[in-house]
Amino acid sequence: MRRELHAEWTKLRTVAGPGRLLLGIVVLTVAGGAAAAGAMECPSAGCGQDATRIALFGVQLGQGLVALLAVLAVCGEYSTGMIRTSLTAMPRRMTALAARTCLLAGLTSAAGALGVLGSLLVARLLLPGNGFTPEHGYPPLSPADGPTLRAAAGSVLYLVLIAVLSAGVATAVRDSAVAAGAVLGLLYLFPMVVLMIRNEDVQRLLWRMSPMNAGLAVQATTSLPAMPIGAWTGLGVAAAWAVAALAVGGLLLQARDA
């Protein structure tokens, strides 16, 4: 698969958009976390806030750019007609899809790791000024802390799963606007629709099925028994969405003409 990886890397780095999107992922993730850390307050001990989750709020924003990055990487060739050239040069379609997905996963993990670590650093500086102090039960945020490390690593893995999910959807539909709309709707609109449902049992079930709600449960470090889904189980839900989307995209890629 080395040849396919090199080809995908060459195609991706010669386009202006992916580099800007990768930088945007880092900036938006850190900026979102900084905004959340600056807005939240803990005026007294036991205020019930999850400092780590506040710091990582920007992941909810950065995931949108991750989706756009994957859609651009997949659908760009279809819009220009270069897909025929790519398939001629790399006739093993599943290998080419695997190479593209691995490349996207690697780039997303690098950008996600920078964004997550930057968010924790900024929140470590901002949160104490808003009452998140050791006196109120909030020691300084540190990746060396077990729950914080799990939340940080899980957030990076979540972003990688969103990249895989988006690549699968884009491969299936082959249209950038439709693919972006479908993924962003699934991430942002679906959770809003869930909140409109009055039946609590149905709402809870759909909440657990939402890739964003379930996947980001990995960020929780407090009140874990009260969560609708466990941290790693929720990430498993997001992984199931990603695998299913990639599988469907791969089957359609094999079945269709260029």
C-alpha atoms as a PDB file:
ATOM      1  CA  MET A   1       0.000   0.000   0.000  1.00  0.00           C
ATOM      2  CA  ARG A   2       3.076   2.236   0.049  1.00  0.00           C
ATOM      3  CA  ARG A   3       2.544   3.349  -3.538  1.00  0.00           C
ATOM      4  CA  GLU A   4      -1.078   4.272  -2.852  1.00  0.00           C
ATOM      5  CA  LEU A   5      -0.144   6.180   0.290  1.00  0.00           C
ATOM      6  CA  HIS A   6       2.473   8.169  -1.591  1.00  0.00           C
ATOM      7  CA  ALA A   7      -0.003   8.955  -4.352  1.00  0.00           C
ATOM      8  CA  GLU A   8      -2.680  10.107  -1.908  1.00  0.00           C
ATOM      9  CA  TRP A   9      -0.171  12.239  -0.027  1.00  0.00           C
ATOM     10  CA  THR A  10       0.996  13.840  -3.277  1.00  0.00           C
ATOM     11  CA  LYS A  11      -2.568  14.653  -4.300  1.00  0.00           C
ATOM     12  CA  LEU A  12      -3.474  16.073  -0.904  1.00  0.00           C
ATOM     13  CA  ARG A  13      -0.412  18.261  -0.392  1.00  0.00           C
ATOM     14  CA  THR A  14      -0.665  19.827  -3.848  1.00  0.00           C
ATOM     15  CA  VAL A  15      -4.100  21.288  -3.051  1.00  0.00           C
ATOM     16  CA  ALA A  16      -4.338  24.481  -1.001  1.00  0.00           C
ATOM     17  CA  GLY A  17      -7.459  23.603   0.991  1.00  0.00           C
ATOM     18  CA  PRO A  18      -6.273  20.685   3.185  1.00  0.00           C
ATOM     19  CA  GLY A  19      -3.399  22.623   4.748  1.00  0.00           C
ATOM     20  CA  ARG A  20      -5.695  25.464   5.745  1.00  0.00           C
ATOM     21  CA  LEU A  21      -8.266  23.071   7.124  1.00  0.00           C
ATOM     22  CA  LEU A  22      -5.657  21.265   9.230  1.00  0.00           C
ATOM     23  CA  LEU A  23      -4.499  24.580  10.660  1.00  0.00           C
ATOM     24  CA  GLY A  24      -8.134  25.547  11.186  1.00  0.00           C
ATOM     25  CA  ILE A  25      -8.770  22.362  13.157  1.00  0.00           C
ATOM     26  CA  VAL A  26      -6.030  23.297  15.618  1.00  0.00           C
ATOM     27  CA  VAL A  27      -7.028  26.954  15.868  1.00  0.00           C
ATOM     28  CA  LEU A  28     -10.764  26.351  16.171  1.00  0.00           C
ATOM     29  CA  THR A  29     -10.324  23.598  18.752  1.00  0.00           C
ATOM     30  CA  VAL A  30      -8.103  25.779  20.941  1.00  0.00           C
ATOM     31  CA  ALA A  31     -10.270  28.873  20.434  1.00  0.00           C
ATOM     32  CA  GLY A  32     -13.434  26.986  21.344  1.00  0.00           C
ATOM     33  CA  GLY A  33     -11.844  25.610  24.477  1.00  0.00           C
ATOM     34  CA  ALA A  34     -10.522  29.046  25.417  1.00  0.00           C
ATOM     35  CA  ALA A  35     -13.947  30.616  24.951  1.00  0.00           C
ATOM     36  CA  ALA A  36     -15.590  27.964  27.110  1.00  0.00           C
ATOM     37  CA  ALA A  37     -12.909  28.245  29.798  1.00  0.00           C
ATOM     38  CA  GLY A  38     -13.264  32.007  29.842  1.00  0.00           C
ATOM     39  CA  ALA A  39     -17.053  31.894  30.085  1.00  0.00           C
ATOM     40  CA  MET A  40     -17.544  29.258  32.794  1.00  0.00           C
ATOM     41  CA  GLU A  41     -17.294  30.170  36.470  1.00  0.00           C
ATOM     42  CA  CYS A  42     -17.006  28.201  39.697  1.00  0.00           C
ATOM     43  CA  PRO A  43     -17.790  30.665  42.494  1.00  0.00           C
ATOM     44  CA  SER A  44     -17.817  28.075  45.272  1.00  0.00           C
ATOM     45  CA  ALA A  45     -16.620  24.607  46.163  1.00  0.00           C
ATOM     46  CA  GLY A  46     -18.535  21.773  44.586  1.00  0.00           C
ATOM     47  CA  CYS A  47     -19.956  23.836  41.734  1.00  0.00           C
ATOM     48  CA  GLY A  48     -20.492  20.634  39.747  1.00  0.00           C
ATOM     49  CA  GLN A  49     -18.587  21.587  36.596  1.00  0.00           C
ATOM     50  CA  ASP A  50     -16.306  19.233  34.652  1.00  0.00           C
ATOM     51  CA  ALA A  51     -13.173  21.307  34.062  1.00  0.00           C
ATOM     52  CA  THR A  52     -11.685  18.856  31.567  1.00  0.00           C
ATOM     53  CA  ARG A  53     -14.832  18.783  29.474  1.00  0.00           C
ATOM     54  CA  ILE A  54     -14.967  22.575  29.495  1.00  0.00           C
ATOM     55  CA  ALA A  55     -11.384  22.725  28.247  1.00  0.00           C
ATOM     56  CA  LEU A  56     -12.160  20.292  25.426  1.00  0.00           C
ATOM     57  CA  PHE A  57     -15.335  22.023  24.250  1.00  0.00           C
ATOM     58  CA  GLY A  58     -13.538  23.167  21.102  1.00  0.00           C
ATOM     59  CA  VAL A  59     -13.481  19.579  19.821  1.00  0.00           C
ATOM     60  CA  GLN A  60     -17.174  20.037  18.990  1.00  0.00           C
ATOM     61  CA  LEU A  61     -16.184  22.890  16.691  1.00  0.00           C
ATOM     62  CA  GLY A  62     -13.034  21.349  15.256  1.00  0.00           C
ATOM     63  CA  GLN A  63     -14.885  18.216  14.173  1.00  0.00           C
ATOM     64  CA  GLY A  64     -16.725  20.265  11.544  1.00  0.00           C
ATOM     65  CA  LEU A  65     -13.445  21.117   9.822  1.00  0.00           C
ATOM     66  CA  VAL A  66     -12.339  17.499  10.126  1.00  0.00           C
ATOM     67  CA  ALA A  67     -15.468  16.495   8.208  1.00  0.00           C
ATOM     68  CA  LEU A  68     -14.802  19.124   5.533  1.00  0.00           C
ATOM     69  CA  LEU A  69     -11.181  17.967   5.212  1.00  0.00           C
ATOM     70  CA  ALA A  70     -12.248  14.376   4.556  1.00  0.00           C
ATOM     71  CA  VAL A  71     -14.982  15.410   2.130  1.00  0.00           C
ATOM     72  CA  LEU A  72     -12.547  17.614   0.211  1.00  0.00           C
ATOM     73  CA  ALA A  73      -9.956  14.851   0.034  1.00  0.00           C
ATOM     74  CA  VAL A  74     -12.481  12.367  -1.368  1.00  0.00           C
ATOM     75  CA  CYS A  75     -14.817  14.451  -3.517  1.00  0.00           C
ATOM     76  CA  GLY A  76     -12.245  16.795  -5.034  1.00  0.00           C
ATOM     77  CA  GLU A  77     -11.325  14.205  -7.643  1.00  0.00           C
ATOM     78  CA  TYR A  78     -14.920  13.583  -8.614  1.00  0.00           C
ATOM     79  CA  SER A  79     -15.632  17.284  -9.201  1.00  0.00           C
ATOM     80  CA  THR A  80     -12.606  17.645 -11.499  1.00  0.00           C
ATOM     81  CA  GLY A  81     -12.905  14.257 -13.203  1.00  0.00           C
ATOM     82  CA  MET A  82      -9.447  13.230 -11.979  1.00  0.00           C
ATOM     83  CA  ILE A  83     -10.941  10.146 -10.375  1.00  0.00           C
ATOM     84  CA  ARG A  84     -10.640   8.310 -13.703  1.00  0.00           C
ATOM     85  CA  THR A  85      -6.923   9.011 -13.803  1.00  0.00           C
ATOM     86  CA  SER A  86      -6.518   7.909 -10.187  1.00  0.00           C
ATOM     87  CA  LEU A  87      -8.375   4.649 -10.750  1.00  0.00           C
ATOM     88  CA  THR A  88      -6.331   3.962 -13.870  1.00  0.00           C
ATOM     89  CA  ALA A  89      -3.099   4.492 -11.951  1.00  0.00           C
ATOM     90  CA  MET A  90      -4.369   2.639  -8.858  1.00  0.00           C
ATOM     91  CA  PRO A  91      -6.849  -0.009 -10.046  1.00  0.00           C
ATOM     92  CA  ARG A  92      -7.065  -1.662  -6.622  1.00  0.00           C
ATOM     93  CA  ARG A  93      -9.902   0.499  -5.370  1.00  0.00           C
ATOM     94  CA  MET A  94     -10.128  -0.831  -1.829  1.00  0.00           C
ATOM     95  CA  THR A  95      -6.391  -0.400  -1.346  1.00  0.00           C
ATOM     96  CA  ALA A  96      -6.631   3.176  -2.600  1.00  0.00           C
ATOM     97  CA  LEU A  97      -9.546   3.848  -0.240  1.00  0.00           C
ATOM     98  CA  ALA A  98      -7.615   2.329   2.653  1.00  0.00           C
ATOM     99  CA  ALA A  99      -4.574   4.483   1.844  1.00  0.00           C
ATOM    100  CA  ARG A 100      -6.673   7.643   1.678  1.00  0.00           C
ATOM    101  CA  THR A 101      -8.408   6.806   4.935  1.00  0.00           C
ATOM    102  CA  CYS A 102      -5.127   6.063   6.710  1.00  0.00           C
ATOM    103  CA  LEU A 103      -3.660   9.343   5.477  1.00  0.00           C
ATOM    104  CA  LEU A 104      -6.684  11.292   6.666  1.00  0.00           C
ATOM    105  CA  ALA A 105      -6.565   9.505  10.018  1.00  0.00           C
ATOM    106  CA  GLY A 106      -2.890  10.332  10.470  1.00  0.00           C
ATOM    107  CA  LEU A 107      -3.266  13.996   9.559  1.00  0.00           C
ATOM    108  CA  THR A 108      -6.362  14.349  11.736  1.00  0.00           C
ATOM    109  CA  SER A 109      -4.674  12.725  14.710  1.00  0.00           C
ATOM    110  CA  ALA A 110      -1.732  15.136  14.426  1.00  0.00           C
ATOM    111  CA  ALA A 111      -3.946  18.219  14.160  1.00  0.00           C
ATOM    112  CA  GLY A 112      -6.295  16.890  16.827  1.00  0.00           C
ATOM    113  CA  ALA A 113      -3.464  16.208  19.259  1.00  0.00           C
ATOM    114  CA  LEU A 114      -2.124  19.749  18.844  1.00  0.00           C
ATOM    115  CA  GLY A 115      -5.608  21.201  19.287  1.00  0.00           C
ATOM    116  CA  VAL A 116      -6.405  19.121  22.360  1.00  0.00           C
ATOM    117  CA  LEU A 117      -3.072  19.796  24.082  1.00  0.00           C
ATOM    118  CA  GLY A 118      -3.373  23.486  23.267  1.00  0.00           C
ATOM    119  CA  SER A 119      -6.884  23.532  24.719  1.00  0.00           C
ATOM    120  CA  LEU A 120      -5.728  21.948  27.965  1.00  0.00           C
ATOM    121  CA  LEU A 121      -2.857  24.420  28.251  1.00  0.00           C
ATOM    122  CA  VAL A 122      -5.080  27.457  27.650  1.00  0.00           C
ATOM    123  CA  ALA A 123      -7.727  26.166  30.066  1.00  0.00           C
ATOM    124  CA  ARG A 124      -5.039  25.534  32.692  1.00  0.00           C
ATOM    125  CA  LEU A 125      -4.208  29.239  32.459  1.00  0.00           C
ATOM    126  CA  LEU A 126      -7.776  30.598  32.294  1.00  0.00           C
ATOM    127  CA  LEU A 127      -9.837  28.387  34.594  1.00  0.00           C
ATOM    128  CA  PRO A 128      -8.193  29.341  37.929  1.00  0.00           C
ATOM    129  CA  GLY A 129      -9.171  32.966  37.330  1.00  0.00           C
ATOM    130  CA  ASN A 130     -12.823  31.867  37.135  1.00  0.00           C
ATOM    131  CA  GLY A 131     -12.831  29.990  40.418  1.00  0.00           C
ATOM    132  CA  PHE A 132     -11.584  26.586  39.276  1.00  0.00           C
ATOM    133  CA  THR A 133      -8.970  26.446  42.020  1.00  0.00           C
ATOM    134  CA  PRO A 134      -7.671  23.735  44.364  1.00  0.00           C
ATOM    135  CA  GLU A 135      -9.667  25.407  47.143  1.00  0.00           C
ATOM    136  CA  HIS A 136     -12.841  24.692  45.154  1.00  0.00           C
ATOM    137  CA  GLY A 137     -11.761  21.154  44.405  1.00  0.00           C
ATOM    138  CA  TYR A 138     -10.139  21.742  41.014  1.00  0.00           C
ATOM    139  CA  PRO A 139      -6.396  21.091  40.801  1.00  0.00           C
ATOM    140  CA  PRO A 140      -4.633  22.484  37.706  1.00  0.00           C
ATOM    141  CA  LEU A 141      -5.435  20.517  34.554  1.00  0.00           C
ATOM    142  CA  SER A 142      -2.695  18.095  33.633  1.00  0.00           C
ATOM    143  CA  PRO A 143      -2.459  15.392  30.933  1.00  0.00           C
ATOM    144  CA  ALA A 144      -0.652  13.305  33.543  1.00  0.00           C
ATOM    145  CA  ASP A 145      -3.931  12.956  35.433  1.00  0.00           C
ATOM    146  CA  GLY A 146      -5.603   9.659  34.501  1.00  0.00           C
ATOM    147  CA  PRO A 147      -9.143  10.904  33.693  1.00  0.00           C
ATOM    148  CA  THR A 148      -7.800  13.957  31.859  1.00  0.00           C
ATOM    149  CA  LEU A 149      -5.442  11.795  29.814  1.00  0.00           C
ATOM    150  CA  ARG A 150      -8.318   9.491  28.895  1.00  0.00           C
ATOM    151  CA  ALA A 151     -10.479  12.462  27.890  1.00  0.00           C
ATOM    152  CA  ALA A 152      -7.679  14.009  25.818  1.00  0.00           C
ATOM    153  CA  ALA A 153      -6.688  10.786  24.051  1.00  0.00           C
ATOM    154  CA  GLY A 154     -10.334   9.893  23.523  1.00  0.00           C
ATOM    155  CA  SER A 155     -11.007  13.304  21.977  1.00  0.00           C
ATOM    156  CA  VAL A 156      -8.194  12.824  19.457  1.00  0.00           C
ATOM    157  CA  LEU A 157      -9.468   9.352  18.633  1.00  0.00           C
ATOM    158  CA  TYR A 158     -12.973  10.754  18.264  1.00  0.00           C
ATOM    159  CA  LEU A 159     -11.760  13.272  15.679  1.00  0.00           C
ATOM    160  CA  VAL A 160     -10.060  10.466  13.773  1.00  0.00           C
ATOM    161  CA  LEU A 161     -13.338   8.524  13.740  1.00  0.00           C
ATOM    162  CA  ILE A 162     -15.141  11.584  12.386  1.00  0.00           C
ATOM    163  CA  ALA A 163     -12.574  11.742   9.577  1.00  0.00           C
ATOM    164  CA  VAL A 164     -13.192   8.071   8.754  1.00  0.00           C
ATOM    165  CA  LEU A 165     -16.959   8.538   8.931  1.00  0.00           C
ATOM    166  CA  SER A 166     -16.788  11.556   6.624  1.00  0.00           C
ATOM    167  CA  ALA A 167     -14.525   9.746   4.160  1.00  0.00           C
ATOM    168  CA  GLY A 168     -16.985   6.867   4.005  1.00  0.00           C
ATOM    169  CA  VAL A 169     -19.970   9.138   3.406  1.00  0.00           C
ATOM    170  CA  ALA A 170     -18.069  11.147   0.772  1.00  0.00           C
ATOM    171  CA  THR A 171     -17.027   7.957  -1.030  1.00  0.00           C
ATOM    172  CA  ALA A 172     -20.624   6.771  -1.042  1.00  0.00           C
ATOM    173  CA  VAL A 173     -22.267   9.951  -2.374  1.00  0.00           C
ATOM    174  CA  ARG A 174     -19.344  11.419  -4.400  1.00  0.00           C
ATOM    175  CA  ASP A 175     -20.720  14.958  -4.134  1.00  0.00           C
ATOM    176  CA  SER A 176     -18.992  17.401  -1.782  1.00  0.00           C
ATOM    177  CA  ALA A 177     -22.064  19.472  -0.911  1.00  0.00           C
ATOM    178  CA  VAL A 178     -24.258  16.443  -0.219  1.00  0.00           C
ATOM    179  CA  ALA A 179     -21.534  14.656   1.729  1.00  0.00           C
ATOM    180  CA  ALA A 180     -20.713  17.707   3.851  1.00  0.00           C
ATOM    181  CA  GLY A 181     -24.394  18.357   4.517  1.00  0.00           C
ATOM    182  CA  ALA A 182     -25.016  14.745   5.503  1.00  0.00           C
ATOM    183  CA  VAL A 183     -22.080  14.535   7.915  1.00  0.00           C
ATOM    184  CA  LEU A 184     -22.590  17.962   9.485  1.00  0.00           C
ATOM    185  CA  GLY A 185     -26.299  17.255   9.849  1.00  0.00           C
ATOM    186  CA  LEU A 186     -25.547  13.966  11.562  1.00  0.00           C
ATOM    187  CA  LEU A 187     -23.090  15.630  13.928  1.00  0.00           C
ATOM    188  CA  TYR A 188     -24.928  18.844  14.772  1.00  0.00           C
ATOM    189  CA  LEU A 189     -28.570  18.586  13.689  1.00  0.00           C
ATOM    190  CA  PHE A 190     -29.287  15.068  14.937  1.00  0.00           C
ATOM    191  CA  PRO A 191     -28.508  15.941  18.604  1.00  0.00           C
ATOM    192  CA  MET A 192     -30.808  18.966  18.352  1.00  0.00           C
ATOM    193  CA  VAL A 193     -33.634  16.815  17.019  1.00  0.00           C
ATOM    194  CA  VAL A 194     -33.090  14.362  19.880  1.00  0.00           C
ATOM    195  CA  LEU A 195     -33.657  17.167  22.401  1.00  0.00           C
ATOM    196  CA  MET A 196     -37.061  17.907  20.865  1.00  0.00           C
ATOM    197  CA  ILE A 197     -38.383  14.426  21.646  1.00  0.00           C
ATOM    198  CA  ARG A 198     -40.526  14.410  24.774  1.00  0.00           C
ATOM    199  CA  ASN A 199     -40.447  10.694  25.497  1.00  0.00           C
ATOM    200  CA  GLU A 200     -37.466  10.347  27.839  1.00  0.00           C
ATOM    201  CA  ASP A 201     -36.790   6.692  27.014  1.00  0.00           C
ATOM    202  CA  VAL A 202     -36.718   7.358  23.272  1.00  0.00           C
ATOM    203  CA  GLN A 203     -34.657  10.490  23.799  1.00  0.00           C
ATOM    204  CA  ARG A 204     -32.119   8.588  25.876  1.00  0.00           C
ATOM    205  CA  LEU A 205     -31.903   5.808  23.256  1.00  0.00           C
ATOM    206  CA  LEU A 206     -31.352   8.255  20.401  1.00  0.00           C
ATOM    207  CA  TRP A 207     -28.834  10.176  22.505  1.00  0.00           C
ATOM    208  CA  ARG A 208     -26.841   6.981  22.841  1.00  0.00           C
ATOM    209  CA  MET A 209     -27.055   6.445  19.076  1.00  0.00           C
ATOM    210  CA  SER A 210     -25.830   9.942  18.182  1.00  0.00           C
ATOM    211  CA  PRO A 211     -22.186   9.747  17.063  1.00  0.00           C
ATOM    212  CA  MET A 212     -21.374  13.124  18.594  1.00  0.00           C
ATOM    213  CA  ASN A 213     -23.228  12.743  21.893  1.00  0.00           C
ATOM    214  CA  ALA A 214     -22.036   9.186  22.431  1.00  0.00           C
ATOM    215  CA  GLY A 215     -18.513   9.741  21.125  1.00  0.00           C
ATOM    216  CA  LEU A 216     -17.846  12.825  23.219  1.00  0.00           C
ATOM    217  CA  ALA A 217     -18.899  11.023  26.404  1.00  0.00           C
ATOM    218  CA  VAL A 218     -15.229  10.050  26.537  1.00  0.00           C
ATOM    219  CA  GLN A 219     -14.479  13.620  27.642  1.00  0.00           C
ATOM    220  CA  ALA A 220     -16.409  13.273  30.906  1.00  0.00           C
ATOM    221  CA  THR A 221     -14.303  13.018  34.055  1.00  0.00           C
ATOM    222  CA  THR A 222     -16.973  13.675  36.708  1.00  0.00           C
ATOM    223  CA  SER A 223     -20.447  12.260  37.473  1.00  0.00           C
ATOM    224  CA  LEU A 224     -19.696   9.231  35.312  1.00  0.00           C
ATOM    225  CA  PRO A 225     -22.493   7.031  36.780  1.00  0.00           C
ATOM    226  CA  ALA A 226     -25.057   9.633  35.699  1.00  0.00           C
ATOM    227  CA  MET A 227     -23.913   9.586  32.061  1.00  0.00           C
ATOM    228  CA  PRO A 228     -26.354   7.975  29.598  1.00  0.00           C
ATOM    229  CA  ILE A 229     -23.477   5.945  28.165  1.00  0.00           C
ATOM    230  CA  GLY A 230     -20.003   4.959  29.297  1.00  0.00           C
ATOM    231  CA  ALA A 231     -16.919   6.751  28.024  1.00  0.00           C
ATOM    232  CA  TRP A 232     -15.434   3.947  25.915  1.00  0.00           C
ATOM    233  CA  THR A 233     -18.826   2.503  25.002  1.00  0.00           C
ATOM    234  CA  GLY A 234     -19.779   5.898  23.588  1.00  0.00           C
ATOM    235  CA  LEU A 235     -16.580   6.017  21.578  1.00  0.00           C
ATOM    236  CA  GLY A 236     -17.472   2.548  20.331  1.00  0.00           C
ATOM    237  CA  VAL A 237     -20.763   3.933  19.004  1.00  0.00           C
ATOM    238  CA  ALA A 238     -18.862   6.580  17.041  1.00  0.00           C
ATOM    239  CA  ALA A 239     -16.527   3.852  15.765  1.00  0.00           C
ATOM    240  CA  ALA A 240     -19.510   1.779  14.616  1.00  0.00           C
ATOM    241  CA  TRP A 241     -20.816   4.745  12.611  1.00  0.00           C
ATOM    242  CA  ALA A 242     -17.377   5.249  11.048  1.00  0.00           C
ATOM    243  CA  VAL A 243     -16.899   1.583  10.131  1.00  0.00           C
ATOM    244  CA  ALA A 244     -20.415   1.329   8.692  1.00  0.00           C
ATOM    245  CA  ALA A 245     -19.975   4.462   6.565  1.00  0.00           C
ATOM    246  CA  LEU A 246     -16.589   3.321   5.274  1.00  0.00           C
ATOM    247  CA  ALA A 247     -17.925  -0.158   4.496  1.00  0.00           C
ATOM    248  CA  VAL A 248     -20.845   1.240   2.502  1.00  0.00           C
ATOM    249  CA  GLY A 249     -18.558   3.655   0.700  1.00  0.00           C
ATOM    250  CA  GLY A 250     -16.138   0.852  -0.149  1.00  0.00           C
ATOM    251  CA  LEU A 251     -18.872  -1.412  -1.509  1.00  0.00           C
ATOM    252  CA  LEU A 252     -20.244   1.365  -3.709  1.00  0.00           C
ATOM    253  CA  LEU A 253     -16.753   2.262  -4.869  1.00  0.00           C
ATOM    254  CA  GLN A 254     -16.245  -1.311  -6.001  1.00  0.00           C
ATOM    255  CA  ALA A 255     -19.639  -1.588  -7.669  1.00  0.00           C
ATOM    256  CA  ARG A 256     -19.763   1.678  -9.604  1.00  0.00           C
ATOM    257  CA  ASP A 257     -17.911   3.017 -12.592  1.00  0.00           C
ATOM    258  CA  ALA A 258     -15.603   5.992 -12.065  1.00  0.00           C
END
